mmCIF file of all heavy atoms, coordinates in Angstrom:
data_MODEL
# 
_entry.id   MODEL 
# 
loop_
_atom_site.group_PDB 
_atom_site.id 
_atom_site.type_symbol 
_atom_site.label_atom_id 
_atom_site.label_alt_id 
_atom_site.label_comp_id 
_atom_site.label_asym_id 
_atom_site.label_entity_id 
_atom_site.label_seq_id 
_atom_site.pdbx_PDB_ins_code 
_atom_site.Cartn_x 
_atom_site.Cartn_y 
_atom_site.Cartn_z 
_atom_site.occupancy 
_atom_site.B_iso_or_equiv 
_atom_site.pdbx_formal_charge 
_atom_site.auth_seq_id 
_atom_site.auth_comp_id 
_atom_site.auth_asym_id 
_atom_site.auth_atom_id 
_atom_site.pdbx_PDB_model_num 
ATOM 1   N N   . ILE A 1 1  ? 93.175  100.901 102.087 1.00 0.00 ? 1  ILE A N   1 
ATOM 2   C CA  . ILE A 1 1  ? 91.993  100.401 102.550 1.00 0.00 ? 1  ILE A CA  1 
ATOM 3   C C   . ILE A 1 1  ? 91.109  100.252 101.284 1.00 0.00 ? 1  ILE A C   1 
ATOM 4   O O   . ILE A 1 1  ? 90.392  99.279  101.059 1.00 0.00 ? 1  ILE A O   1 
ATOM 5   C CB  . ILE A 1 1  ? 91.244  101.241 103.602 1.00 0.00 ? 1  ILE A CB  1 
ATOM 6   C CG1 . ILE A 1 1  ? 92.063  100.977 104.958 1.00 0.00 ? 1  ILE A CG1 1 
ATOM 7   C CG2 . ILE A 1 1  ? 89.726  101.042 103.711 1.00 0.00 ? 1  ILE A CG2 1 
ATOM 8   C CD1 . ILE A 1 1  ? 91.649  102.020 106.036 1.00 0.00 ? 1  ILE A CD1 1 
ATOM 9   N N   . ILE A 1 2  ? 91.118  101.305 100.442 1.00 0.00 ? 2  ILE A N   1 
ATOM 10  C CA  . ILE A 1 2  ? 90.369  101.371 99.153  1.00 0.00 ? 2  ILE A CA  1 
ATOM 11  C C   . ILE A 1 2  ? 90.964  100.329 98.191  1.00 0.00 ? 2  ILE A C   1 
ATOM 12  O O   . ILE A 1 2  ? 90.221  99.476  97.531  1.00 0.00 ? 2  ILE A O   1 
ATOM 13  C CB  . ILE A 1 2  ? 90.397  102.746 98.486  1.00 0.00 ? 2  ILE A CB  1 
ATOM 14  C CG1 . ILE A 1 2  ? 89.572  103.665 99.429  1.00 0.00 ? 2  ILE A CG1 1 
ATOM 15  C CG2 . ILE A 1 2  ? 89.758  102.682 97.104  1.00 0.00 ? 2  ILE A CG2 1 
ATOM 16  C CD1 . ILE A 1 2  ? 89.639  105.041 99.089  1.00 0.00 ? 2  ILE A CD1 1 
ATOM 17  N N   . GLY A 1 3  ? 92.305  100.303 98.012  1.00 0.00 ? 3  GLY A N   1 
ATOM 18  C CA  . GLY A 1 3  ? 92.840  99.396  97.005  1.00 0.00 ? 3  GLY A CA  1 
ATOM 19  C C   . GLY A 1 3  ? 92.697  97.962  97.345  1.00 0.00 ? 3  GLY A C   1 
ATOM 20  O O   . GLY A 1 3  ? 92.564  97.194  96.455  1.00 0.00 ? 3  GLY A O   1 
ATOM 21  N N   . GLU A 1 4  ? 92.833  97.549  98.720  1.00 0.00 ? 4  GLU A N   1 
ATOM 22  C CA  . GLU A 1 4  ? 92.686  96.178  99.053  1.00 0.00 ? 4  GLU A CA  1 
ATOM 23  C C   . GLU A 1 4  ? 91.228  95.854  99.353  1.00 0.00 ? 4  GLU A C   1 
ATOM 24  O O   . GLU A 1 4  ? 90.913  94.669  99.530  1.00 0.00 ? 4  GLU A O   1 
ATOM 25  C CB  . GLU A 1 4  ? 93.517  95.986  100.179 1.00 0.00 ? 4  GLU A CB  1 
ATOM 26  C CG  . GLU A 1 4  ? 95.014  96.142  100.065 1.00 0.00 ? 4  GLU A CG  1 
ATOM 27  C CD  . GLU A 1 4  ? 95.581  95.028  99.155  1.00 0.00 ? 4  GLU A CD  1 
ATOM 28  O OE1 . GLU A 1 4  ? 94.943  94.110  98.980  1.00 0.00 ? 4  GLU A OE1 1 
ATOM 29  O OE2 . GLU A 1 4  ? 96.779  95.318  98.809  1.00 0.00 ? 4  GLU A OE2 1 
ATOM 30  N N   . GLY A 1 5  ? 90.310  96.741  99.286  1.00 0.00 ? 5  GLY A N   1 
ATOM 31  C CA  . GLY A 1 5  ? 88.994  96.446  99.574  1.00 0.00 ? 5  GLY A CA  1 
ATOM 32  C C   . GLY A 1 5  ? 88.747  95.867  100.998 1.00 0.00 ? 5  GLY A C   1 
ATOM 33  O O   . GLY A 1 5  ? 88.048  94.939  101.239 1.00 0.00 ? 5  GLY A O   1 
ATOM 34  N N   . ARG A 1 6  ? 89.408  96.612  101.873 1.00 0.00 ? 6  ARG A N   1 
ATOM 35  C CA  . ARG A 1 6  ? 89.117  96.114  103.278 1.00 0.00 ? 6  ARG A CA  1 
ATOM 36  C C   . ARG A 1 6  ? 87.719  96.114  103.773 1.00 0.00 ? 6  ARG A C   1 
ATOM 37  O O   . ARG A 1 6  ? 87.013  97.147  103.348 1.00 0.00 ? 6  ARG A O   1 
ATOM 38  C CB  . ARG A 1 6  ? 89.982  96.943  104.274 1.00 0.00 ? 6  ARG A CB  1 
ATOM 39  C CG  . ARG A 1 6  ? 91.492  97.049  103.978 1.00 0.00 ? 6  ARG A CG  1 
ATOM 40  C CD  . ARG A 1 6  ? 92.128  95.853  104.431 1.00 0.00 ? 6  ARG A CD  1 
ATOM 41  N NE  . ARG A 1 6  ? 93.588  95.962  104.474 1.00 0.00 ? 6  ARG A NE  1 
ATOM 42  C CZ  . ARG A 1 6  ? 94.496  95.075  103.940 1.00 0.00 ? 6  ARG A CZ  1 
ATOM 43  N NH1 . ARG A 1 6  ? 94.040  94.030  103.250 1.00 0.00 ? 6  ARG A NH1 1 
ATOM 44  N NH2 . ARG A 1 6  ? 95.774  95.292  103.940 1.00 0.00 ? 6  ARG A NH2 1 
ATOM 45  N N   . PRO A 1 7  ? 87.227  95.238  104.543 1.00 0.00 ? 7  PRO A N   1 
ATOM 46  C CA  . PRO A 1 7  ? 85.867  95.240  104.863 1.00 0.00 ? 7  PRO A CA  1 
ATOM 47  C C   . PRO A 1 7  ? 85.533  96.191  106.073 1.00 0.00 ? 7  PRO A C   1 
ATOM 48  O O   . PRO A 1 7  ? 85.288  95.792  107.245 1.00 0.00 ? 7  PRO A O   1 
ATOM 49  C CB  . PRO A 1 7  ? 85.626  93.807  105.348 1.00 0.00 ? 7  PRO A CB  1 
ATOM 50  C CG  . PRO A 1 7  ? 86.916  93.331  105.883 1.00 0.00 ? 7  PRO A CG  1 
ATOM 51  C CD  . PRO A 1 7  ? 87.982  94.069  104.954 1.00 0.00 ? 7  PRO A CD  1 
ATOM 52  N N   . THR A 1 8  ? 85.612  97.445  105.699 1.00 0.00 ? 8  THR A N   1 
ATOM 53  C CA  . THR A 1 8  ? 85.512  98.525  106.734 1.00 0.00 ? 8  THR A CA  1 
ATOM 54  C C   . THR A 1 8  ? 85.083  99.757  106.195 1.00 0.00 ? 8  THR A C   1 
ATOM 55  O O   . THR A 1 8  ? 85.198  99.936  104.920 1.00 0.00 ? 8  THR A O   1 
ATOM 56  C CB  . THR A 1 8  ? 86.737  98.689  107.656 1.00 0.00 ? 8  THR A CB  1 
ATOM 57  O OG1 . THR A 1 8  ? 86.466  99.373  108.814 1.00 0.00 ? 8  THR A OG1 1 
ATOM 58  C CG2 . THR A 1 8  ? 87.858  99.346  106.912 1.00 0.00 ? 8  THR A CG2 1 
ATOM 59  N N   . ALA A 1 9  ? 84.851  100.889 106.932 1.00 0.00 ? 9  ALA A N   1 
ATOM 60  C CA  . ALA A 1 9  ? 84.532  102.142 106.433 1.00 0.00 ? 9  ALA A CA  1 
ATOM 61  C C   . ALA A 1 9  ? 85.697  102.863 105.950 1.00 0.00 ? 9  ALA A C   1 
ATOM 62  O O   . ALA A 1 9  ? 86.842  102.814 106.611 1.00 0.00 ? 9  ALA A O   1 
ATOM 63  C CB  . ALA A 1 9  ? 83.834  102.952 107.528 1.00 0.00 ? 9  ALA A CB  1 
ATOM 64  N N   . VAL A 1 10 ? 85.626  103.526 104.789 1.00 0.00 ? 10 VAL A N   1 
ATOM 65  C CA  . VAL A 1 10 ? 86.619  104.343 104.304 1.00 0.00 ? 10 VAL A CA  1 
ATOM 66  C C   . VAL A 1 10 ? 86.914  105.614 105.140 1.00 0.00 ? 10 VAL A C   1 
ATOM 67  O O   . VAL A 1 10 ? 85.900  106.267 105.459 1.00 0.00 ? 10 VAL A O   1 
ATOM 68  C CB  . VAL A 1 10 ? 86.423  104.709 102.728 1.00 0.00 ? 10 VAL A CB  1 
ATOM 69  C CG1 . VAL A 1 10 ? 87.441  105.590 102.246 1.00 0.00 ? 10 VAL A CG1 1 
ATOM 70  C CG2 . VAL A 1 10 ? 86.336  103.483 102.005 1.00 0.00 ? 10 VAL A CG2 1 
ATOM 71  N N   . PRO A 1 11 ? 88.142  106.003 105.438 1.00 0.00 ? 11 PRO A N   1 
ATOM 72  C CA  . PRO A 1 11 ? 88.299  107.192 106.211 1.00 0.00 ? 11 PRO A CA  1 
ATOM 73  C C   . PRO A 1 11 ? 87.775  108.454 105.583 1.00 0.00 ? 11 PRO A C   1 
ATOM 74  O O   . PRO A 1 11 ? 87.968  108.597 104.356 1.00 0.00 ? 11 PRO A O   1 
ATOM 75  C CB  . PRO A 1 11 ? 89.909  107.202 106.341 1.00 0.00 ? 11 PRO A CB  1 
ATOM 76  C CG  . PRO A 1 11 ? 90.272  105.779 106.237 1.00 0.00 ? 11 PRO A CG  1 
ATOM 77  C CD  . PRO A 1 11 ? 89.358  105.179 105.176 1.00 0.00 ? 11 PRO A CD  1 
ATOM 78  N N   . ASP A 1 12 ? 87.262  109.352 106.414 1.00 0.00 ? 12 ASP A N   1 
ATOM 79  C CA  . ASP A 1 12 ? 86.814  110.693 105.939 1.00 0.00 ? 12 ASP A CA  1 
ATOM 80  C C   . ASP A 1 12 ? 87.826  111.799 106.037 1.00 0.00 ? 12 ASP A C   1 
ATOM 81  O O   . ASP A 1 12 ? 87.869  112.505 105.293 1.00 0.00 ? 12 ASP A O   1 
ATOM 82  C CB  . ASP A 1 12 ? 85.604  111.158 106.940 1.00 0.00 ? 12 ASP A CB  1 
ATOM 83  C CG  . ASP A 1 12 ? 84.569  110.055 106.895 1.00 0.00 ? 12 ASP A CG  1 
ATOM 84  O OD1 . ASP A 1 12 ? 83.880  109.794 105.934 1.00 0.00 ? 12 ASP A OD1 1 
ATOM 85  O OD2 . ASP A 1 12 ? 84.161  109.554 108.009 1.00 0.00 ? 12 ASP A OD2 1 
ATOM 86  N N   . LEU A 1 13 ? 88.620  111.609 107.101 1.00 0.00 ? 13 LEU A N   1 
ATOM 87  C CA  . LEU A 1 13 ? 89.743  112.581 107.513 1.00 0.00 ? 13 LEU A CA  1 
ATOM 88  C C   . LEU A 1 13 ? 90.957  111.915 107.491 1.00 0.00 ? 13 LEU A C   1 
ATOM 89  O O   . LEU A 1 13 ? 91.184  110.945 108.279 1.00 0.00 ? 13 LEU A O   1 
ATOM 90  C CB  . LEU A 1 13 ? 89.387  113.232 108.785 1.00 0.00 ? 13 LEU A CB  1 
ATOM 91  C CG  . LEU A 1 13 ? 90.418  114.294 109.371 1.00 0.00 ? 13 LEU A CG  1 
ATOM 92  C CD1 . LEU A 1 13 ? 90.456  115.468 108.377 1.00 0.00 ? 13 LEU A CD1 1 
ATOM 93  C CD2 . LEU A 1 13 ? 89.975  114.637 110.762 1.00 0.00 ? 13 LEU A CD2 1 
ATOM 94  N N   . THR A 1 14 ? 91.966  112.498 106.788 1.00 0.00 ? 14 THR A N   1 
ATOM 95  C CA  . THR A 1 14 ? 93.343  111.817 106.584 1.00 0.00 ? 14 THR A CA  1 
ATOM 96  C C   . THR A 1 14 ? 94.388  112.957 106.954 1.00 0.00 ? 14 THR A C   1 
ATOM 97  O O   . THR A 1 14 ? 94.107  114.119 106.799 1.00 0.00 ? 14 THR A O   1 
ATOM 98  C CB  . THR A 1 14 ? 93.562  111.142 105.268 1.00 0.00 ? 14 THR A CB  1 
ATOM 99  O OG1 . THR A 1 14 ? 93.632  112.202 104.216 1.00 0.00 ? 14 THR A OG1 1 
ATOM 100 C CG2 . THR A 1 14 ? 92.610  110.056 105.058 1.00 0.00 ? 14 THR A CG2 1 
ATOM 101 N N   . PHE A 1 15 ? 95.474  112.552 107.112 1.00 0.00 ? 15 PHE A N   1 
ATOM 102 C CA  . PHE A 1 15 ? 96.629  113.418 107.468 1.00 0.00 ? 15 PHE A CA  1 
ATOM 103 C C   . PHE A 1 15 ? 97.971  112.739 107.105 1.00 0.00 ? 15 PHE A C   1 
ATOM 104 O O   . PHE A 1 15 ? 98.117  111.619 106.824 1.00 0.00 ? 15 PHE A O   1 
ATOM 105 C CB  . PHE A 1 15 ? 96.773  113.857 108.915 1.00 0.00 ? 15 PHE A CB  1 
ATOM 106 C CG  . PHE A 1 15 ? 97.035  112.706 109.937 1.00 0.00 ? 15 PHE A CG  1 
ATOM 107 C CD1 . PHE A 1 15 ? 98.326  112.471 110.368 1.00 0.00 ? 15 PHE A CD1 1 
ATOM 108 C CD2 . PHE A 1 15 ? 96.062  111.813 110.165 1.00 0.00 ? 15 PHE A CD2 1 
ATOM 109 C CE1 . PHE A 1 15 ? 98.574  111.544 111.206 1.00 0.00 ? 15 PHE A CE1 1 
ATOM 110 C CE2 . PHE A 1 15 ? 96.263  110.715 111.077 1.00 0.00 ? 15 PHE A CE2 1 
ATOM 111 C CZ  . PHE A 1 15 ? 97.581  110.561 111.548 1.00 0.00 ? 15 PHE A CZ  1 
ATOM 112 N N   . SER A 1 16 ? 99.098  113.665 106.898 1.00 0.00 ? 16 SER A N   1 
ATOM 113 C CA  . SER A 1 16 ? 100.326 113.056 106.513 1.00 0.00 ? 16 SER A CA  1 
ATOM 114 C C   . SER A 1 16 ? 101.474 112.867 107.652 1.00 0.00 ? 16 SER A C   1 
ATOM 115 O O   . SER A 1 16 ? 102.111 111.871 107.697 1.00 0.00 ? 16 SER A O   1 
ATOM 116 C CB  . SER A 1 16 ? 100.985 114.030 105.469 1.00 0.00 ? 16 SER A CB  1 
ATOM 117 O OG  . SER A 1 16 ? 101.152 115.277 106.022 1.00 0.00 ? 16 SER A OG  1 
ATOM 118 N N   . ASP A 1 17 ? 101.480 113.761 108.559 1.00 0.00 ? 17 ASP A N   1 
ATOM 119 C CA  . ASP A 1 17 ? 102.446 113.749 109.642 1.00 0.00 ? 17 ASP A CA  1 
ATOM 120 C C   . ASP A 1 17 ? 101.824 113.668 110.945 1.00 0.00 ? 17 ASP A C   1 
ATOM 121 O O   . ASP A 1 17 ? 102.201 112.889 111.825 1.00 0.00 ? 17 ASP A O   1 
ATOM 122 C CB  . ASP A 1 17 ? 103.369 114.873 109.557 1.00 0.00 ? 17 ASP A CB  1 
ATOM 123 C CG  . ASP A 1 17 ? 104.212 114.835 108.193 1.00 0.00 ? 17 ASP A CG  1 
ATOM 124 O OD1 . ASP A 1 17 ? 104.672 113.683 107.798 1.00 0.00 ? 17 ASP A OD1 1 
ATOM 125 O OD2 . ASP A 1 17 ? 104.420 115.880 107.515 1.00 0.00 ? 17 ASP A OD2 1 
ATOM 126 N N   . ARG A 1 18 ? 101.008 114.560 111.305 1.00 0.00 ? 18 ARG A N   1 
ATOM 127 C CA  . ARG A 1 18 ? 100.426 114.741 112.591 1.00 0.00 ? 18 ARG A CA  1 
ATOM 128 C C   . ARG A 1 18 ? 99.234  115.514 112.533 1.00 0.00 ? 18 ARG A C   1 
ATOM 129 O O   . ARG A 1 18 ? 99.040  116.455 111.809 1.00 0.00 ? 18 ARG A O   1 
ATOM 130 C CB  . ARG A 1 18 ? 101.510 115.465 113.599 1.00 0.00 ? 18 ARG A CB  1 
ATOM 131 C CG  . ARG A 1 18 ? 101.109 115.809 114.940 1.00 0.00 ? 18 ARG A CG  1 
ATOM 132 C CD  . ARG A 1 18 ? 102.278 116.547 115.557 1.00 0.00 ? 18 ARG A CD  1 
ATOM 133 N NE  . ARG A 1 18 ? 103.448 115.939 115.588 1.00 0.00 ? 18 ARG A NE  1 
ATOM 134 C CZ  . ARG A 1 18 ? 103.956 115.400 116.876 1.00 0.00 ? 18 ARG A CZ  1 
ATOM 135 N NH1 . ARG A 1 18 ? 103.318 115.596 117.879 1.00 0.00 ? 18 ARG A NH1 1 
ATOM 136 N NH2 . ARG A 1 18 ? 105.075 114.776 116.838 1.00 0.00 ? 18 ARG A NH2 1 
ATOM 137 N N   . ILE A 1 19 ? 98.285  115.179 113.592 1.00 0.00 ? 19 ILE A N   1 
ATOM 138 C CA  . ILE A 1 19 ? 97.001  115.979 113.585 1.00 0.00 ? 19 ILE A CA  1 
ATOM 139 C C   . ILE A 1 19 ? 96.535  115.763 115.099 1.00 0.00 ? 19 ILE A C   1 
ATOM 140 O O   . ILE A 1 19 ? 96.716  114.715 115.772 1.00 0.00 ? 19 ILE A O   1 
ATOM 141 C CB  . ILE A 1 19 ? 95.902  115.409 112.648 1.00 0.00 ? 19 ILE A CB  1 
ATOM 142 C CG1 . ILE A 1 19 ? 94.686  116.405 112.562 1.00 0.00 ? 19 ILE A CG1 1 
ATOM 143 C CG2 . ILE A 1 19 ? 95.424  113.998 112.891 1.00 0.00 ? 19 ILE A CG2 1 
ATOM 144 C CD1 . ILE A 1 19 ? 93.707  116.094 111.464 1.00 0.00 ? 19 ILE A CD1 1 
ATOM 145 N N   . THR A 1 20 ? 95.821  116.844 115.562 1.00 0.00 ? 20 THR A N   1 
ATOM 146 C CA  . THR A 1 20 ? 95.246  116.646 116.988 1.00 0.00 ? 20 THR A CA  1 
ATOM 147 C C   . THR A 1 20 ? 93.784  116.800 116.803 1.00 0.00 ? 20 THR A C   1 
ATOM 148 O O   . THR A 1 20 ? 93.295  117.767 116.285 1.00 0.00 ? 20 THR A O   1 
ATOM 149 C CB  . THR A 1 20 ? 95.805  117.820 117.915 1.00 0.00 ? 20 THR A CB  1 
ATOM 150 O OG1 . THR A 1 20 ? 97.297  117.671 117.926 1.00 0.00 ? 20 THR A OG1 1 
ATOM 151 C CG2 . THR A 1 20 ? 95.256  117.780 119.240 1.00 0.00 ? 20 THR A CG2 1 
ATOM 152 N N   . LEU A 1 21 ? 93.119  115.936 117.551 1.00 0.00 ? 21 LEU A N   1 
ATOM 153 C CA  . LEU A 1 21 ? 91.629  115.898 117.547 1.00 0.00 ? 21 LEU A CA  1 
ATOM 154 C C   . LEU A 1 21 ? 91.189  116.475 118.927 1.00 0.00 ? 21 LEU A C   1 
ATOM 155 O O   . LEU A 1 21 ? 91.696  116.062 119.957 1.00 0.00 ? 21 LEU A O   1 
ATOM 156 C CB  . LEU A 1 21 ? 91.030  114.555 117.235 1.00 0.00 ? 21 LEU A CB  1 
ATOM 157 C CG  . LEU A 1 21 ? 91.257  113.777 116.017 1.00 0.00 ? 21 LEU A CG  1 
ATOM 158 C CD1 . LEU A 1 21 ? 90.659  112.497 115.933 1.00 0.00 ? 21 LEU A CD1 1 
ATOM 159 C CD2 . LEU A 1 21 ? 90.939  114.593 114.872 1.00 0.00 ? 21 LEU A CD2 1 
ATOM 160 N N   . GLU A 1 22 ? 90.185  117.198 118.924 1.00 0.00 ? 22 GLU A N   1 
ATOM 161 C CA  . GLU A 1 22 ? 89.750  117.908 120.210 1.00 0.00 ? 22 GLU A CA  1 
ATOM 162 C C   . GLU A 1 22 ? 88.282  117.580 120.247 1.00 0.00 ? 22 GLU A C   1 
ATOM 163 O O   . GLU A 1 22 ? 87.574  117.727 119.321 1.00 0.00 ? 22 GLU A O   1 
ATOM 164 C CB  . GLU A 1 22 ? 89.978  119.358 120.313 1.00 0.00 ? 22 GLU A CB  1 
ATOM 165 C CG  . GLU A 1 22 ? 91.460  119.811 120.236 1.00 0.00 ? 22 GLU A CG  1 
ATOM 166 C CD  . GLU A 1 22 ? 91.739  121.268 120.278 1.00 0.00 ? 22 GLU A CD  1 
ATOM 167 O OE1 . GLU A 1 22 ? 90.653  121.968 120.607 1.00 0.00 ? 22 GLU A OE1 1 
ATOM 168 O OE2 . GLU A 1 22 ? 92.854  121.600 120.156 1.00 0.00 ? 22 GLU A OE2 1 
ATOM 169 N N   . LEU A 1 23 ? 87.786  117.177 121.571 1.00 0.00 ? 23 LEU A N   1 
ATOM 170 C CA  . LEU A 1 23 ? 86.450  116.908 121.784 1.00 0.00 ? 23 LEU A CA  1 
ATOM 171 C C   . LEU A 1 23 ? 86.227  117.051 123.166 1.00 0.00 ? 23 LEU A C   1 
ATOM 172 O O   . LEU A 1 23 ? 86.718  116.398 124.044 1.00 0.00 ? 23 LEU A O   1 
ATOM 173 C CB  . LEU A 1 23 ? 86.090  115.404 121.180 1.00 0.00 ? 23 LEU A CB  1 
ATOM 174 C CG  . LEU A 1 23 ? 84.696  115.102 121.326 1.00 0.00 ? 23 LEU A CG  1 
ATOM 175 C CD1 . LEU A 1 23 ? 83.808  115.882 120.344 1.00 0.00 ? 23 LEU A CD1 1 
ATOM 176 C CD2 . LEU A 1 23 ? 84.472  113.616 121.025 1.00 0.00 ? 23 LEU A CD2 1 
ATOM 177 N N   . GLY A 1 24 ? 85.196  117.905 123.563 1.00 0.00 ? 24 GLY A N   1 
ATOM 178 C CA  . GLY A 1 24 ? 84.766  118.008 124.911 1.00 0.00 ? 24 GLY A CA  1 
ATOM 179 C C   . GLY A 1 24 ? 85.919  118.339 125.801 1.00 0.00 ? 24 GLY A C   1 
ATOM 180 O O   . GLY A 1 24 ? 85.842  117.894 127.059 1.00 0.00 ? 24 GLY A O   1 
ATOM 181 N N   . GLY A 1 25 ? 86.808  119.247 125.503 1.00 0.00 ? 25 GLY A N   1 
ATOM 182 C CA  . GLY A 1 25 ? 87.922  119.652 126.284 1.00 0.00 ? 25 GLY A CA  1 
ATOM 183 C C   . GLY A 1 25 ? 89.003  118.568 126.361 1.00 0.00 ? 25 GLY A C   1 
ATOM 184 O O   . GLY A 1 25 ? 89.950  118.907 127.156 1.00 0.00 ? 25 GLY A O   1 
# 
């Protein structure tokens, strides 16, 4: 995204294999 200059927001949080997001149960 950074290298190609995609017209969007740059990610804040990244991961390599797996991640779980929790919100409101």
